[in-house]
Amino acid sequence: YCACSDISRGTMAGKKDFGNDAVVVFEDQQRINMFAKKNTTMNDIKEQIDDKEKQLRNIEDASDELMLIDDDQRIPYEVGEIFVLVAVEEAQKKLDEQKTEIESELLYLRTQASEIEDILMKVKSQLYAKFGDNINLEQPDS
């Protein structure tokens, strides 16, 4: 989320005056736009992380449930839109593979989030240094 107060009061073509000697020049607008794009990307990544964490918890719960089942039984395992009967050992192996894949995806997403967070903090400090209270770069309370 990114908003500038009194943005509609333009003084010159390509520049906006905020009254506190803070003039929005092209480079400032580029920073504001980059912040907005990176912030949107960050929110998307956070949603993906939440989804992956939920999937990981579900896999861990399913794995725990498998420990309670006799090894000689066959259990339904979802493949696409159908369920197939597999041995408990095979189901555990497939769950472990899924868990490893999701943990890898989570690591990648968290790395991306960290890199974007660094960029956001740098741009935010630059914009606040120039515009102070005339710009709001904080997330709205939901």
C-alpha atoms as a PDB file:
ATOM      1  CA  TYR A   1       0.000   0.000   0.000  1.00  0.00           C
ATOM      2  CA  CYS A   2       1.377   3.393  -0.913  1.00  0.00           C
ATOM      3  CA  ALA A   3      -0.346   6.769  -0.775  1.00  0.00           C
ATOM      4  CA  CYS A   4       0.778  10.389  -0.954  1.00  0.00           C
ATOM      5  CA  SER A   5      -1.450  12.999   0.641  1.00  0.00           C
ATOM      6  CA  ASP A   6      -2.329  16.047  -1.415  1.00  0.00           C
ATOM      7  CA  ILE A   7      -0.961  14.380  -4.545  1.00  0.00           C
ATOM      8  CA  SER A   8      -3.467  16.181  -6.711  1.00  0.00           C
ATOM      9  CA  ARG A   9      -1.890  19.617  -6.045  1.00  0.00           C
ATOM     10  CA  GLY A  10       0.524  19.736  -8.971  1.00  0.00           C
ATOM     11  CA  THR A  11       2.733  22.784  -9.414  1.00  0.00           C
ATOM     12  CA  MET A  12       4.680  21.988 -12.574  1.00  0.00           C
ATOM     13  CA  ALA A  13       4.471  19.378 -15.289  1.00  0.00           C
ATOM     14  CA  GLY A  14       6.046  16.206 -13.909  1.00  0.00           C
ATOM     15  CA  LYS A  15       6.419  17.657 -10.395  1.00  0.00           C
ATOM     16  CA  LYS A  16       4.109  17.841  -7.425  1.00  0.00           C
ATOM     17  CA  ASP A  17       4.598  20.232  -4.481  1.00  0.00           C
ATOM     18  CA  PHE A  18       3.744  19.183  -0.915  1.00  0.00           C
ATOM     19  CA  GLY A  19       4.348  22.490   0.783  1.00  0.00           C
ATOM     20  CA  ASN A  20       7.330  21.295   2.856  1.00  0.00           C
ATOM     21  CA  ASP A  21       9.867  21.885   0.075  1.00  0.00           C
ATOM     22  CA  ALA A  22       9.258  18.253  -0.930  1.00  0.00           C
ATOM     23  CA  VAL A  23       8.761  18.112  -4.663  1.00  0.00           C
ATOM     24  CA  VAL A  24       7.961  14.811  -6.346  1.00  0.00           C
ATOM     25  CA  VAL A  25      10.320  14.457  -9.280  1.00  0.00           C
ATOM     26  CA  PHE A  26      10.430  11.608 -11.785  1.00  0.00           C
ATOM     27  CA  GLU A  27      12.964   9.636  -9.706  1.00  0.00           C
ATOM     28  CA  ASP A  28      10.731   9.904  -6.630  1.00  0.00           C
ATOM     29  CA  GLN A  29       7.747   8.671  -8.608  1.00  0.00           C
ATOM     30  CA  GLN A  30       9.871   5.759  -9.838  1.00  0.00           C
ATOM     31  CA  ARG A  31      10.752   4.884  -6.214  1.00  0.00           C
ATOM     32  CA  ILE A  32       7.090   5.124  -5.173  1.00  0.00           C
ATOM     33  CA  ASN A  33       6.046   2.875  -8.062  1.00  0.00           C
ATOM     34  CA  MET A  34       8.816   0.375  -7.301  1.00  0.00           C
ATOM     35  CA  PHE A  35       7.800   0.336  -3.638  1.00  0.00           C
ATOM     36  CA  ALA A  36       4.171  -0.356  -4.580  1.00  0.00           C
ATOM     37  CA  LYS A  37       5.130  -3.193  -6.951  1.00  0.00           C
ATOM     38  CA  LYS A  38       7.564  -4.791  -4.495  1.00  0.00           C
ATOM     39  CA  ASN A  39       5.036  -4.436  -1.676  1.00  0.00           C
ATOM     40  CA  THR A  40       2.387  -6.225  -3.758  1.00  0.00           C
ATOM     41  CA  THR A  41       4.894  -8.951  -4.596  1.00  0.00           C
ATOM     42  CA  MET A  42       5.773  -9.269  -0.909  1.00  0.00           C
ATOM     43  CA  ASN A  43       2.110  -9.687   0.033  1.00  0.00           C
ATOM     44  CA  ASP A  44       1.742 -12.406  -2.629  1.00  0.00           C
ATOM     45  CA  ILE A  45       4.827 -14.208  -1.324  1.00  0.00           C
ATOM     46  CA  LYS A  46       3.522 -14.032   2.252  1.00  0.00           C
ATOM     47  CA  GLU A  47       0.276 -15.680   1.092  1.00  0.00           C
ATOM     48  CA  GLN A  48       2.251 -18.392  -0.691  1.00  0.00           C
ATOM     49  CA  ILE A  49       4.332 -18.978   2.443  1.00  0.00           C
ATOM     50  CA  ASP A  50       1.166 -19.318   4.538  1.00  0.00           C
ATOM     51  CA  ASP A  51      -0.252 -21.822   2.028  1.00  0.00           C
ATOM     52  CA  LYS A  52       2.977 -23.866   1.966  1.00  0.00           C
ATOM     53  CA  GLU A  53       3.164 -23.900   5.768  1.00  0.00           C
ATOM     54  CA  LYS A  54      -0.410 -25.187   5.902  1.00  0.00           C
ATOM     55  CA  GLN A  55       0.417 -27.900   3.353  1.00  0.00           C
ATOM     56  CA  LEU A  56       3.471 -28.860   5.401  1.00  0.00           C
ATOM     57  CA  ARG A  57       1.389 -29.155   8.598  1.00  0.00           C
ATOM     58  CA  ASN A  58      -1.149 -31.328   6.740  1.00  0.00           C
ATOM     59  CA  ILE A  59       1.611 -33.629   5.482  1.00  0.00           C
ATOM     60  CA  GLU A  60       3.099 -33.897   8.969  1.00  0.00           C
ATOM     61  CA  ASP A  61      -0.350 -34.722  10.387  1.00  0.00           C
ATOM     62  CA  ALA A  62      -0.900 -37.374   7.702  1.00  0.00           C
ATOM     63  CA  SER A  63       2.529 -38.832   8.414  1.00  0.00           C
ATOM     64  CA  ASP A  64       1.700 -39.038  12.124  1.00  0.00           C
ATOM     65  CA  GLU A  65      -1.566 -40.809  11.296  1.00  0.00           C
ATOM     66  CA  LEU A  66       0.297 -43.348   9.162  1.00  0.00           C
ATOM     67  CA  MET A  67       2.317 -44.414  12.202  1.00  0.00           C
ATOM     68  CA  LEU A  68      -0.901 -45.647  13.796  1.00  0.00           C
ATOM     69  CA  ILE A  69      -1.771 -47.929  10.867  1.00  0.00           C
ATOM     70  CA  ASP A  70      -0.545 -51.531  10.564  1.00  0.00           C
ATOM     71  CA  ASP A  71       2.212 -51.929   7.970  1.00  0.00           C
ATOM     72  CA  ASP A  72       0.381 -54.717   6.140  1.00  0.00           C
ATOM     73  CA  GLN A  73      -2.676 -52.573   5.362  1.00  0.00           C
ATOM     74  CA  ARG A  74      -3.210 -50.668   2.145  1.00  0.00           C
ATOM     75  CA  ILE A  75      -4.509 -47.124   2.383  1.00  0.00           C
ATOM     76  CA  PRO A  76      -6.059 -44.726  -0.120  1.00  0.00           C
ATOM     77  CA  TYR A  77      -3.573 -42.177  -1.464  1.00  0.00           C
ATOM     78  CA  GLU A  78      -4.690 -39.229  -3.570  1.00  0.00           C
ATOM     79  CA  VAL A  79      -3.162 -38.998  -7.027  1.00  0.00           C
ATOM     80  CA  GLY A  80      -4.659 -36.130  -8.993  1.00  0.00           C
ATOM     81  CA  GLU A  81      -8.421 -36.500  -8.747  1.00  0.00           C
ATOM     82  CA  ILE A  82      -8.507 -40.171  -7.739  1.00  0.00           C
ATOM     83  CA  PHE A  83      -7.442 -42.303  -4.819  1.00  0.00           C
ATOM     84  CA  VAL A  84      -5.311 -45.419  -5.243  1.00  0.00           C
ATOM     85  CA  LEU A  85      -4.597 -48.069  -2.637  1.00  0.00           C
ATOM     86  CA  VAL A  86      -0.934 -48.151  -1.633  1.00  0.00           C
ATOM     87  CA  ALA A  87       1.099 -49.798   1.088  1.00  0.00           C
ATOM     88  CA  VAL A  88       1.677 -47.740   4.216  1.00  0.00           C
ATOM     89  CA  GLU A  89       5.435 -47.699   3.517  1.00  0.00           C
ATOM     90  CA  GLU A  90       4.877 -46.332  -0.005  1.00  0.00           C
ATOM     91  CA  ALA A  91       2.466 -43.683   1.278  1.00  0.00           C
ATOM     92  CA  GLN A  92       5.047 -42.618   3.887  1.00  0.00           C
ATOM     93  CA  LYS A  93       7.716 -42.395   1.190  1.00  0.00           C
ATOM     94  CA  LYS A  94       5.459 -40.202  -0.989  1.00  0.00           C
ATOM     95  CA  LEU A  95       4.647 -37.949   1.985  1.00  0.00           C
ATOM     96  CA  ASP A  96       8.353 -37.577   2.757  1.00  0.00           C
ATOM     97  CA  GLU A  97       9.015 -36.593  -0.867  1.00  0.00           C
ATOM     98  CA  GLN A  98       6.200 -34.023  -0.757  1.00  0.00           C
ATOM     99  CA  LYS A  99       7.499 -32.680   2.552  1.00  0.00           C
ATOM    100  CA  THR A 100      11.017 -32.261   1.138  1.00  0.00           C
ATOM    101  CA  GLU A 101       9.655 -30.484  -1.944  1.00  0.00           C
ATOM    102  CA  ILE A 102       7.502 -28.084   0.109  1.00  0.00           C
ATOM    103  CA  GLU A 103      10.370 -27.335   2.508  1.00  0.00           C
ATOM    104  CA  SER A 104      12.522 -26.463  -0.505  1.00  0.00           C
ATOM    105  CA  GLU A 105       9.794 -24.192  -1.891  1.00  0.00           C
ATOM    106  CA  LEU A 106       9.420 -22.537   1.516  1.00  0.00           C
ATOM    107  CA  LEU A 107      13.160 -21.865   1.683  1.00  0.00           C
ATOM    108  CA  TYR A 108      13.037 -20.260  -1.764  1.00  0.00           C
ATOM    109  CA  LEU A 109       9.991 -18.123  -0.879  1.00  0.00           C
ATOM    110  CA  ARG A 110      11.525 -16.997   2.412  1.00  0.00           C
ATOM    111  CA  THR A 111      14.733 -16.030   0.617  1.00  0.00           C
ATOM    112  CA  GLN A 112      12.725 -14.009  -1.893  1.00  0.00           C
ATOM    113  CA  ALA A 113      10.768 -12.361   0.921  1.00  0.00           C
ATOM    114  CA  SER A 114      13.984 -11.417   2.716  1.00  0.00           C
ATOM    115  CA  GLU A 115      15.483  -9.865  -0.422  1.00  0.00           C
ATOM    116  CA  ILE A 116      12.319  -7.883  -1.139  1.00  0.00           C
ATOM    117  CA  GLU A 117      12.070  -6.776   2.488  1.00  0.00           C
ATOM    118  CA  ASP A 118      15.606  -5.349   2.253  1.00  0.00           C
ATOM    119  CA  ILE A 119      14.651  -3.389  -0.875  1.00  0.00           C
ATOM    120  CA  LEU A 120      11.418  -2.154   0.708  1.00  0.00           C
ATOM    121  CA  MET A 121      13.201  -0.926   3.829  1.00  0.00           C
ATOM    122  CA  LYS A 122      15.805   0.939   1.772  1.00  0.00           C
ATOM    123  CA  VAL A 123      13.228   2.618  -0.489  1.00  0.00           C
ATOM    124  CA  LYS A 124      10.931   3.352   2.454  1.00  0.00           C
ATOM    125  CA  SER A 125      13.713   5.116   4.342  1.00  0.00           C
ATOM    126  CA  GLN A 126      14.585   7.179   1.231  1.00  0.00           C
ATOM    127  CA  LEU A 127      10.967   8.220   0.708  1.00  0.00           C
ATOM    128  CA  TYR A 128      10.312   9.016   4.372  1.00  0.00           C
ATOM    129  CA  ALA A 129      13.551  11.008   4.499  1.00  0.00           C
ATOM    130  CA  LYS A 130      12.333  13.203   1.676  1.00  0.00           C
ATOM    131  CA  PHE A 131       8.564  13.354   2.269  1.00  0.00           C
ATOM    132  CA  GLY A 132       8.188  12.715   5.997  1.00  0.00           C
ATOM    133  CA  ASP A 133       4.538  12.660   7.064  1.00  0.00           C
ATOM    134  CA  ASN A 134       3.355  13.591   3.567  1.00  0.00           C
ATOM    135  CA  ILE A 135       3.661   9.968   2.425  1.00  0.00           C
ATOM    136  CA  ASN A 136       2.180   6.830   3.930  1.00  0.00           C
ATOM    137  CA  LEU A 137       3.916   3.575   3.119  1.00  0.00           C
ATOM    138  CA  GLU A 138       2.472   1.488   5.923  1.00  0.00           C
ATOM    139  CA  GLN A 139       0.067  -1.413   5.463  1.00  0.00           C
ATOM    140  CA  PRO A 140      -3.545  -0.525   6.335  1.00  0.00           C
ATOM    141  CA  ASP A 141      -4.931  -2.349   9.367  1.00  0.00           C
ATOM    142  CA  SER A 142      -7.121  -5.211   8.246  1.00  0.00           C
END
